Amino acid sequence: MKLTEAELAECRDLALKIRRHCLNMVHKGQSGHIGSMLSMADILPVLYTKILNVSPKEPKMPERDRFILSKGHGGAAVLATLAERGFFPLDWLGTYYQDAGKLSGHISHHIPGVEFSTGSLGHGLPVACGMALAAKRDKALHRVFCMVSDGDCDAGSTWEAIMLAGQHHWDNLVMLVDYNQLQALGGSKDIINLNPLAPKLEQFGWAALDADGHDQQAVYKALIRLPLCAGKPSAIIFHTIKGKGVSFMENNYKWHYGGLTDTMLNRALKEVEEAAL
């Protein structure tokens, strides 16, 4: 199965809107982490339009799927997605990182559609494990998704959660890895080399596969396979590019923190528009 042309066009359009929103939000708030937002901008549209059972009309419906963004510093990308999907008004995005604004720099559960406040890496997957366990005990059918980063995968708490989930066969748990292979201070391979990641996860009882995180057809084909194996938690390792869509940001770890001048913003917006044509 694959996305129809109309579905693919919808996902591409949403990815462009996410990139636009994130650039403007980071510029207005004079914040950072834009590279981490742009790397997952092609995954979120597929996830939120075709995969997750969630509803903007009833964000807390009991049967909803749960999504946790463990890399909470990139939360503006999820916030932009939620706003575009109708979970809260679009004009809230203009208050991102502002005094008395609606939206904080790291994602917060006070916002409709957000399950858990994150920011400190290594926290998201352990919480997702607790949610998956609770669902199993309640015989509930919803799934728990957690998006992690390279930095998350350096954390011991993440690997404790990986071992626990594999031990207990929580096949309602899905880990999505935004694997751009950069971190705050450099390349992941130079800090803690995780390659090859999929075989490591498989050794701990997970089913894992690799996919191109910027090819939305590939993203969809990977996600519709879930669960990858009955009786095992699933991991999809999305190979991505930090700062995707903006030439001076791509594969540059400095855009983990860097802010945007007016000139940079205008250039970046022009480039993401041109890339979407």
C-alpha atoms as a PDB file:
ATOM      1  CA  MET A   1       0.000   0.000   0.000  1.00  0.00           C
ATOM      2  CA  LYS A   2       1.034   3.582  -0.569  1.00  0.00           C
ATOM      3  CA  LEU A   3      -0.330   7.079  -0.235  1.00  0.00           C
ATOM      4  CA  THR A   4      -2.522   8.243  -3.096  1.00  0.00           C
ATOM      5  CA  GLU A   5      -1.405  11.325  -5.001  1.00  0.00           C
ATOM      6  CA  ALA A   6      -3.985  13.387  -3.112  1.00  0.00           C
ATOM      7  CA  GLU A   7      -2.842  12.007   0.262  1.00  0.00           C
ATOM      8  CA  LEU A   8       0.802  12.582  -0.608  1.00  0.00           C
ATOM      9  CA  ALA A   9       0.030  16.150  -1.668  1.00  0.00           C
ATOM     10  CA  GLU A  10      -1.747  16.709   1.661  1.00  0.00           C
ATOM     11  CA  CYS A  11       1.257  15.407   3.605  1.00  0.00           C
ATOM     12  CA  ARG A  12       3.722  17.479   1.600  1.00  0.00           C
ATOM     13  CA  ASP A  13       1.626  20.589   2.096  1.00  0.00           C
ATOM     14  CA  LEU A  14       1.464  19.987   5.850  1.00  0.00           C
ATOM     15  CA  ALA A  15       5.242  19.433   5.994  1.00  0.00           C
ATOM     16  CA  LEU A  16       5.779  22.794   4.285  1.00  0.00           C
ATOM     17  CA  LYS A  17       3.416  24.504   6.733  1.00  0.00           C
ATOM     18  CA  ILE A  18       5.245  22.918   9.677  1.00  0.00           C
ATOM     19  CA  ARG A  19       8.589  24.184   8.387  1.00  0.00           C
ATOM     20  CA  ARG A  20       7.191  27.677   7.806  1.00  0.00           C
ATOM     21  CA  HIS A  21       5.628  27.802  11.259  1.00  0.00           C
ATOM     22  CA  CYS A  22       8.770  26.540  12.998  1.00  0.00           C
ATOM     23  CA  LEU A  23      11.014  29.057  11.278  1.00  0.00           C
ATOM     24  CA  ASN A  24       8.709  31.930  12.162  1.00  0.00           C
ATOM     25  CA  MET A  25       8.197  30.695  15.736  1.00  0.00           C
ATOM     26  CA  VAL A  26      11.910  30.324  16.421  1.00  0.00           C
ATOM     27  CA  HIS A  27      12.659  33.711  14.871  1.00  0.00           C
ATOM     28  CA  LYS A  28       9.946  35.549  16.812  1.00  0.00           C
ATOM     29  CA  GLY A  29      10.851  33.862  20.091  1.00  0.00           C
ATOM     30  CA  GLN A  30      14.603  34.172  19.446  1.00  0.00           C
ATOM     31  CA  SER A  31      14.883  30.562  20.534  1.00  0.00           C
ATOM     32  CA  GLY A  32      16.797  27.594  19.140  1.00  0.00           C
ATOM     33  CA  HIS A  33      16.507  23.940  18.140  1.00  0.00           C
ATOM     34  CA  ILE A  34      15.287  24.684  14.611  1.00  0.00           C
ATOM     35  CA  GLY A  35      17.482  21.922  13.148  1.00  0.00           C
ATOM     36  CA  SER A  36      15.790  19.365  15.399  1.00  0.00           C
ATOM     37  CA  MET A  37      12.362  20.572  14.274  1.00  0.00           C
ATOM     38  CA  LEU A  38      13.079  20.450  10.556  1.00  0.00           C
ATOM     39  CA  SER A  39      14.451  16.897  10.681  1.00  0.00           C
ATOM     40  CA  MET A  40      11.071  15.451  11.727  1.00  0.00           C
ATOM     41  CA  ALA A  41       8.845  17.714   9.637  1.00  0.00           C
ATOM     42  CA  ASP A  42       8.185  15.058   6.988  1.00  0.00           C
ATOM     43  CA  ILE A  43       7.318  12.320   9.498  1.00  0.00           C
ATOM     44  CA  LEU A  44       4.717  14.182  11.563  1.00  0.00           C
ATOM     45  CA  PRO A  45       2.262  14.829   8.697  1.00  0.00           C
ATOM     46  CA  VAL A  46       2.018  11.123   7.875  1.00  0.00           C
ATOM     47  CA  LEU A  47       1.751  10.206  11.541  1.00  0.00           C
ATOM     48  CA  TYR A  48      -0.998  12.698  12.340  1.00  0.00           C
ATOM     49  CA  THR A  49      -3.073  12.356   9.165  1.00  0.00           C
ATOM     50  CA  LYS A  50      -2.818   8.631   8.443  1.00  0.00           C
ATOM     51  CA  ILE A  51      -1.690   6.665  11.495  1.00  0.00           C
ATOM     52  CA  LEU A  52      -2.578   8.041  14.926  1.00  0.00           C
ATOM     53  CA  ASN A  53      -6.098   7.557  16.250  1.00  0.00           C
ATOM     54  CA  VAL A  54      -6.498  11.053  17.716  1.00  0.00           C
ATOM     55  CA  SER A  55      -9.222  13.675  17.461  1.00  0.00           C
ATOM     56  CA  PRO A  56      -9.021  17.464  17.829  1.00  0.00           C
ATOM     57  CA  LYS A  57     -12.685  17.418  18.864  1.00  0.00           C
ATOM     58  CA  GLU A  58     -11.946  15.089  21.773  1.00  0.00           C
ATOM     59  CA  PRO A  59      -8.210  15.241  22.608  1.00  0.00           C
ATOM     60  CA  LYS A  60      -8.618  13.118  25.740  1.00  0.00           C
ATOM     61  CA  MET A  61     -10.841  10.373  24.349  1.00  0.00           C
ATOM     62  CA  PRO A  62      -9.910   7.154  26.209  1.00  0.00           C
ATOM     63  CA  GLU A  63      -9.321   5.093  23.066  1.00  0.00           C
ATOM     64  CA  ARG A  64      -6.869   7.582  21.513  1.00  0.00           C
ATOM     65  CA  ASP A  65      -3.349   6.589  20.583  1.00  0.00           C
ATOM     66  CA  ARG A  66      -0.699   8.261  22.738  1.00  0.00           C
ATOM     67  CA  PHE A  67       2.223  10.151  21.226  1.00  0.00           C
ATOM     68  CA  ILE A  68       5.164  11.353  23.312  1.00  0.00           C
ATOM     69  CA  LEU A  69       7.874  13.577  21.882  1.00  0.00           C
ATOM     70  CA  SER A  70      10.860  12.661  23.996  1.00  0.00           C
ATOM     71  CA  LYS A  71      13.022  15.197  22.148  1.00  0.00           C
ATOM     72  CA  GLY A  72      10.886  17.937  23.681  1.00  0.00           C
ATOM     73  CA  HIS A  73      13.231  20.735  22.578  1.00  0.00           C
ATOM     74  CA  GLY A  74      11.892  20.219  19.048  1.00  0.00           C
ATOM     75  CA  GLY A  75       8.332  20.626  20.274  1.00  0.00           C
ATOM     76  CA  ALA A  76       7.458  23.522  17.952  1.00  0.00           C
ATOM     77  CA  ALA A  77       7.152  21.019  15.085  1.00  0.00           C
ATOM     78  CA  VAL A  78       4.522  19.014  16.983  1.00  0.00           C
ATOM     79  CA  LEU A  79       2.776  22.202  18.119  1.00  0.00           C
ATOM     80  CA  ALA A  80       2.589  23.398  14.517  1.00  0.00           C
ATOM     81  CA  THR A  81       1.161  20.027  13.492  1.00  0.00           C
ATOM     82  CA  LEU A  82      -1.462  20.082  16.236  1.00  0.00           C
ATOM     83  CA  ALA A  83      -2.498  23.624  15.369  1.00  0.00           C
ATOM     84  CA  GLU A  84      -2.854  22.776  11.685  1.00  0.00           C
ATOM     85  CA  ARG A  85      -4.926  19.722  12.627  1.00  0.00           C
ATOM     86  CA  GLY A  86      -7.287  21.869  14.718  1.00  0.00           C
ATOM     87  CA  PHE A  87      -6.294  20.950  18.277  1.00  0.00           C
ATOM     88  CA  PHE A  88      -5.905  24.613  19.183  1.00  0.00           C
ATOM     89  CA  PRO A  89      -6.035  27.975  17.328  1.00  0.00           C
ATOM     90  CA  LEU A  90      -3.286  28.749  14.843  1.00  0.00           C
ATOM     91  CA  ASP A  91      -2.707  32.146  16.397  1.00  0.00           C
ATOM     92  CA  TRP A  92      -1.314  30.447  19.499  1.00  0.00           C
ATOM     93  CA  LEU A  93       1.796  29.666  17.456  1.00  0.00           C
ATOM     94  CA  GLY A  94       2.626  33.379  17.487  1.00  0.00           C
ATOM     95  CA  THR A  95       3.002  33.225  21.268  1.00  0.00           C
ATOM     96  CA  TYR A  96       5.711  30.542  21.211  1.00  0.00           C
ATOM     97  CA  TYR A  97       8.554  31.319  23.643  1.00  0.00           C
ATOM     98  CA  GLN A  98       6.924  34.636  24.540  1.00  0.00           C
ATOM     99  CA  ASP A  99       6.340  36.085  27.996  1.00  0.00           C
ATOM    100  CA  ALA A 100       2.784  35.133  29.034  1.00  0.00           C
ATOM    101  CA  GLY A 101       2.462  33.147  25.802  1.00  0.00           C
ATOM    102  CA  LYS A 102       0.450  29.976  25.373  1.00  0.00           C
ATOM    103  CA  LEU A 103       3.339  27.821  24.164  1.00  0.00           C
ATOM    104  CA  SER A 104       6.586  27.085  25.974  1.00  0.00           C
ATOM    105  CA  GLY A 105       9.925  26.312  24.393  1.00  0.00           C
ATOM    106  CA  HIS A 106       9.756  22.663  25.432  1.00  0.00           C
ATOM    107  CA  ILE A 107       6.534  20.837  24.786  1.00  0.00           C
ATOM    108  CA  SER A 108       3.985  20.878  27.615  1.00  0.00           C
ATOM    109  CA  HIS A 109       1.042  18.638  28.495  1.00  0.00           C
ATOM    110  CA  HIS A 110      -1.037  21.735  29.223  1.00  0.00           C
ATOM    111  CA  ILE A 111      -1.610  22.052  25.462  1.00  0.00           C
ATOM    112  CA  PRO A 112      -4.473  20.082  23.836  1.00  0.00           C
ATOM    113  CA  GLY A 113      -3.109  17.035  22.042  1.00  0.00           C
ATOM    114  CA  VAL A 114       0.119  16.847  24.080  1.00  0.00           C
ATOM    115  CA  GLU A 115       0.336  13.817  26.360  1.00  0.00           C
ATOM    116  CA  PHE A 116       3.459  14.559  28.389  1.00  0.00           C
ATOM    117  CA  SER A 117       5.836  17.438  29.090  1.00  0.00           C
ATOM    118  CA  THR A 118       9.378  16.648  27.949  1.00  0.00           C
ATOM    119  CA  GLY A 119      12.751  18.270  27.584  1.00  0.00           C
ATOM    120  CA  SER A 120      15.276  16.307  29.605  1.00  0.00           C
ATOM    121  CA  LEU A 121      16.409  13.572  27.241  1.00  0.00           C
ATOM    122  CA  GLY A 122      15.890   9.990  28.274  1.00  0.00           C
ATOM    123  CA  HIS A 123      12.495  10.569  29.917  1.00  0.00           C
ATOM    124  CA  GLY A 124      10.074   9.960  27.065  1.00  0.00           C
ATOM    125  CA  LEU A 125      10.492   6.241  26.426  1.00  0.00           C
ATOM    126  CA  PRO A 126      10.285   5.219  30.112  1.00  0.00           C
ATOM    127  CA  VAL A 127       6.972   7.091  30.382  1.00  0.00           C
ATOM    128  CA  ALA A 128       5.785   5.476  27.144  1.00  0.00           C
ATOM    129  CA  CYS A 129       6.603   2.086  28.676  1.00  0.00           C
ATOM    130  CA  GLY A 130       4.378   2.900  31.655  1.00  0.00           C
ATOM    131  CA  MET A 131       1.561   3.868  29.301  1.00  0.00           C
ATOM    132  CA  ALA A 132       2.007   0.680  27.285  1.00  0.00           C
ATOM    133  CA  LEU A 133       1.942  -1.431  30.448  1.00  0.00           C
ATOM    134  CA  ALA A 134      -1.206   0.328  31.673  1.00  0.00           C
ATOM    135  CA  ALA A 135      -2.904  -0.297  28.338  1.00  0.00           C
ATOM    136  CA  LYS A 136      -1.983  -3.982  28.455  1.00  0.00           C
ATOM    137  CA  ARG A 137      -3.347  -4.343  31.976  1.00  0.00           C
ATOM    138  CA  ASP A 138      -6.566  -2.553  31.010  1.00  0.00           C
ATOM    139  CA  LYS A 139      -6.853  -4.675  27.852  1.00  0.00           C
ATOM    140  CA  ALA A 140      -7.078  -1.404  25.923  1.00  0.00           C
ATOM    141  CA  LEU A 141      -6.410  -1.406  22.188  1.00  0.00           C
ATOM    142  CA  HIS A 142      -4.689   1.943  21.747  1.00  0.00           C
ATOM    143  CA  ARG A 143      -1.014   2.206  20.855  1.00  0.00           C
ATOM    144  CA  VAL A 144       1.763   4.266  22.438  1.00  0.00           C
ATOM    145  CA  PHE A 145       4.227   6.065  20.163  1.00  0.00           C
ATOM    146  CA  CYS A 146       7.405   7.768  21.333  1.00  0.00           C
ATOM    147  CA  MET A 147       9.741   9.786  19.128  1.00  0.00           C
ATOM    148  CA  VAL A 148      13.319   9.856  20.373  1.00  0.00           C
ATOM    149  CA  SER A 149      16.513  11.527  19.195  1.00  0.00           C
ATOM    150  CA  ASP A 150      20.144  10.551  18.897  1.00  0.00           C
ATOM    151  CA  GLY A 151      20.704  12.211  22.274  1.00  0.00           C
ATOM    152  CA  ASP A 152      17.889  10.168  23.807  1.00  0.00           C
ATOM    153  CA  CYS A 153      19.615   7.040  22.555  1.00  0.00           C
ATOM    154  CA  ASP A 154      22.702   7.968  24.570  1.00  0.00           C
ATOM    155  CA  ALA A 155      20.723   7.953  27.826  1.00  0.00           C
ATOM    156  CA  GLY A 156      20.855   4.956  30.130  1.00  0.00           C
ATOM    157  CA  SER A 157      17.211   5.425  31.064  1.00  0.00           C
ATOM    158  CA  THR A 158      16.265   4.944  27.412  1.00  0.00           C
ATOM    159  CA  TRP A 159      18.116   1.635  27.246  1.00  0.00           C
ATOM    160  CA  GLU A 160      16.583   0.497  30.531  1.00  0.00           C
ATOM    161  CA  ALA A 161      13.185   1.165  28.946  1.00  0.00           C
ATOM    162  CA  ILE A 162      14.228  -0.679  25.775  1.00  0.00           C
ATOM    163  CA  MET A 163      15.264  -3.729  27.794  1.00  0.00           C
ATOM    164  CA  LEU A 164      12.091  -3.637  29.895  1.00  0.00           C
ATOM    165  CA  ALA A 165       9.755  -3.369  26.903  1.00  0.00           C
ATOM    166  CA  GLY A 166      11.494  -6.220  25.095  1.00  0.00           C
ATOM    167  CA  GLN A 167      11.427  -8.397  28.207  1.00  0.00           C
ATOM    168  CA  HIS A 168       7.669  -7.942  28.618  1.00  0.00           C
ATOM    169  CA  HIS A 169       6.702  -8.106  24.925  1.00  0.00           C
ATOM    170  CA  TRP A 170       4.838  -4.789  24.806  1.00  0.00           C
ATOM    171  CA  ASP A 171       3.847  -4.902  21.162  1.00  0.00           C
ATOM    172  CA  ASN A 172       1.571  -1.880  21.642  1.00  0.00           C
ATOM    173  CA  LEU A 173       4.697   0.279  22.019  1.00  0.00           C
ATOM    174  CA  VAL A 174       6.352   2.027  19.055  1.00  0.00           C
ATOM    175  CA  MET A 175       9.629   3.915  19.183  1.00  0.00           C
ATOM    176  CA  LEU A 176      10.262   6.333  16.309  1.00  0.00           C
ATOM    177  CA  VAL A 177      13.885   7.391  16.053  1.00  0.00           C
ATOM    178  CA  ASP A 178      14.579  10.756  14.427  1.00  0.00           C
ATOM    179  CA  TYR A 179      18.032   9.590  13.458  1.00  0.00           C
ATOM    180  CA  ASN A 180      19.732  12.687  12.065  1.00  0.00           C
ATOM    181  CA  GLN A 181      23.038  11.540  13.594  1.00  0.00           C
ATOM    182  CA  LEU A 182      23.847  14.926  15.097  1.00  0.00           C
ATOM    183  CA  GLN A 183      23.629  16.145  18.669  1.00  0.00           C
ATOM    184  CA  ALA A 184      24.104  19.418  20.519  1.00  0.00           C
ATOM    185  CA  LEU A 185      27.894  19.292  20.350  1.00  0.00           C
ATOM    186  CA  GLY A 186      28.684  17.324  17.212  1.00  0.00           C
ATOM    187  CA  GLY A 187      28.211  14.101  15.302  1.00  0.00           C
ATOM    188  CA  SER A 188      26.621  11.215  17.171  1.00  0.00           C
ATOM    189  CA  LYS A 189      29.260   8.768  15.968  1.00  0.00           C
ATOM    190  CA  ASP A 190      31.911  10.922  17.640  1.00  0.00           C
ATOM    191  CA  ILE A 191      30.019  11.196  20.930  1.00  0.00           C
ATOM    192  CA  ILE A 192      28.466   7.747  21.328  1.00  0.00           C
ATOM    193  CA  ASN A 193      28.421   5.699  18.148  1.00  0.00           C
ATOM    194  CA  LEU A 194      25.058   3.941  17.928  1.00  0.00           C
ATOM    195  CA  ASN A 195      25.585   2.326  14.529  1.00  0.00           C
ATOM    196  CA  PRO A 196      24.252  -0.122  13.576  1.00  0.00           C
ATOM    197  CA  LEU A 197      21.197   0.699  15.692  1.00  0.00           C
ATOM    198  CA  ALA A 198      18.601  -1.789  14.441  1.00  0.00           C
ATOM    199  CA  PRO A 199      20.604  -4.932  15.397  1.00  0.00           C
ATOM    200  CA  LYS A 200      21.193  -3.515  18.876  1.00  0.00           C
ATOM    201  CA  LEU A 201      17.453  -3.070  19.392  1.00  0.00           C
ATOM    202  CA  GLU A 202      16.758  -6.545  18.034  1.00  0.00           C
ATOM    203  CA  GLN A 203      19.162  -8.011  20.595  1.00  0.00           C
ATOM    204  CA  PHE A 204      16.897  -6.579  23.301  1.00  0.00           C
ATOM    205  CA  GLY A 205      13.760  -8.192  21.892  1.00  0.00           C
ATOM    206  CA  TRP A 206      12.498  -5.453  19.575  1.00  0.00           C
ATOM    207  CA  ALA A 207      11.472  -5.631  15.946  1.00  0.00           C
ATOM    208  CA  ALA A 208      13.244  -2.843  14.063  1.00  0.00           C
ATOM    209  CA  LEU A 209      13.513  -1.446  10.560  1.00  0.00           C
ATOM    210  CA  ASP A 210      15.192   1.493   8.835  1.00  0.00           C
ATOM    211  CA  ALA A 211      13.371   4.006   6.635  1.00  0.00           C
ATOM    212  CA  ASP A 212      13.985   7.311   4.867  1.00  0.00           C
ATOM    213  CA  GLY A 213      12.438   9.962   7.123  1.00  0.00           C
ATOM    214  CA  HIS A 214      12.109  12.489   4.294  1.00  0.00           C
ATOM    215  CA  ASP A 215      10.381  10.215   1.778  1.00  0.00           C
ATOM    216  CA  GLN A 216       6.765  10.362   2.909  1.00  0.00           C
ATOM    217  CA  GLN A 217       5.825   7.268   0.939  1.00  0.00           C
ATOM    218  CA  ALA A 218       8.585   5.385   2.761  1.00  0.00           C
ATOM    219  CA  VAL A 219       7.416   6.837   6.081  1.00  0.00           C
ATOM    220  CA  TYR A 220       3.875   5.637   5.383  1.00  0.00           C
ATOM    221  CA  LYS A 221       4.962   2.166   4.246  1.00  0.00           C
ATOM    222  CA  ALA A 222       6.948   1.723   7.450  1.00  0.00           C
ATOM    223  CA  LEU A 223       4.191   2.965   9.746  1.00  0.00           C
ATOM    224  CA  ILE A 224       1.396   0.863   8.253  1.00  0.00           C
ATOM    225  CA  ARG A 225       3.428  -2.272   9.003  1.00  0.00           C
ATOM    226  CA  LEU A 226       2.970  -1.741  12.735  1.00  0.00           C
ATOM    227  CA  PRO A 227       3.283  -3.814  14.786  1.00  0.00           C
ATOM    228  CA  LEU A 228       6.362  -5.072  13.002  1.00  0.00           C
ATOM    229  CA  CYS A 229       6.153  -8.386  14.848  1.00  0.00           C
ATOM    230  CA  ALA A 230       3.500  -9.784  17.178  1.00  0.00           C
ATOM    231  CA  GLY A 231       4.786  -9.996  20.743  1.00  0.00           C
ATOM    232  CA  LYS A 232       7.570  -7.458  20.269  1.00  0.00           C
ATOM    233  CA  PRO A 233       7.761  -3.671  20.634  1.00  0.00           C
ATOM    234  CA  SER A 234       8.459  -1.934  17.327  1.00  0.00           C
ATOM    235  CA  ALA A 235      11.177   0.555  16.395  1.00  0.00           C
ATOM    236  CA  ILE A 236      11.328   2.506  13.155  1.00  0.00           C
ATOM    237  CA  ILE A 237      14.650   4.230  12.623  1.00  0.00           C
ATOM    238  CA  PHE A 238      13.961   7.196  10.380  1.00  0.00           C
ATOM    239  CA  HIS A 239      17.140   8.405   8.709  1.00  0.00           C
ATOM    240  CA  THR A 240      16.841  12.172   8.585  1.00  0.00           C
ATOM    241  CA  ILE A 241      18.860  15.339   8.023  1.00  0.00           C
ATOM    242  CA  LYS A 242      19.142  17.927  10.762  1.00  0.00           C
ATOM    243  CA  GLY A 243      17.919  21.250   9.371  1.00  0.00           C
ATOM    244  CA  LYS A 244      16.314  19.565   6.343  1.00  0.00           C
ATOM    245  CA  GLY A 245      15.160  22.030   3.706  1.00  0.00           C
ATOM    246  CA  VAL A 246      17.503  24.907   4.576  1.00  0.00           C
ATOM    247  CA  SER A 247      20.911  24.652   2.919  1.00  0.00           C
ATOM    248  CA  PHE A 248      22.917  26.516   5.562  1.00  0.00           C
ATOM    249  CA  MET A 249      21.400  24.403   8.349  1.00  0.00           C
ATOM    250  CA  GLU A 250      21.511  20.912   6.856  1.00  0.00           C
ATOM    251  CA  ASN A 251      23.892  18.492   8.601  1.00  0.00           C
ATOM    252  CA  ASN A 252      25.234  21.305  10.778  1.00  0.00           C
ATOM    253  CA  TYR A 253      25.114  20.560  14.495  1.00  0.00           C
ATOM    254  CA  LYS A 254      25.361  24.274  15.309  1.00  0.00           C
ATOM    255  CA  TRP A 255      21.688  24.606  14.383  1.00  0.00           C
ATOM    256  CA  HIS A 256      20.784  22.641  17.445  1.00  0.00           C
ATOM    257  CA  TYR A 257      20.926  25.979  19.262  1.00  0.00           C
ATOM    258  CA  GLY A 258      21.423  28.757  16.711  1.00  0.00           C
ATOM    259  CA  GLY A 259      18.930  31.626  16.421  1.00  0.00           C
ATOM    260  CA  LEU A 260      17.683  33.299  13.251  1.00  0.00           C
ATOM    261  CA  THR A 261      18.334  36.844  12.093  1.00  0.00           C
ATOM    262  CA  ASP A 262      15.819  38.545   9.789  1.00  0.00           C
ATOM    263  CA  THR A 263      18.062  37.832   6.801  1.00  0.00           C
ATOM    264  CA  MET A 264      18.447  34.172   7.740  1.00  0.00           C
ATOM    265  CA  LEU A 265      14.697  33.808   8.216  1.00  0.00           C
ATOM    266  CA  ASN A 266      13.910  35.226   4.794  1.00  0.00           C
ATOM    267  CA  ARG A 267      16.479  33.002   3.120  1.00  0.00           C
ATOM    268  CA  ALA A 268      15.271  29.916   4.997  1.00  0.00           C
ATOM    269  CA  LEU A 269      11.601  30.555   4.163  1.00  0.00           C
ATOM    270  CA  LYS A 270      12.506  31.016   0.489  1.00  0.00           C
ATOM    271  CA  GLU A 271      14.450  27.751   0.448  1.00  0.00           C
ATOM    272  CA  VAL A 272      11.707  25.636   2.071  1.00  0.00           C
ATOM    273  CA  GLU A 273       9.186  27.096  -0.374  1.00  0.00           C
ATOM    274  CA  GLU A 274      11.415  26.297  -3.349  1.00  0.00           C
ATOM    275  CA  ALA A 275      12.092  22.771  -2.068  1.00  0.00           C
ATOM    276  CA  ALA A 276       8.360  22.103  -1.895  1.00  0.00           C
ATOM    277  CA  LEU A 277       7.736  22.961  -5.564  1.00  0.00           C
END
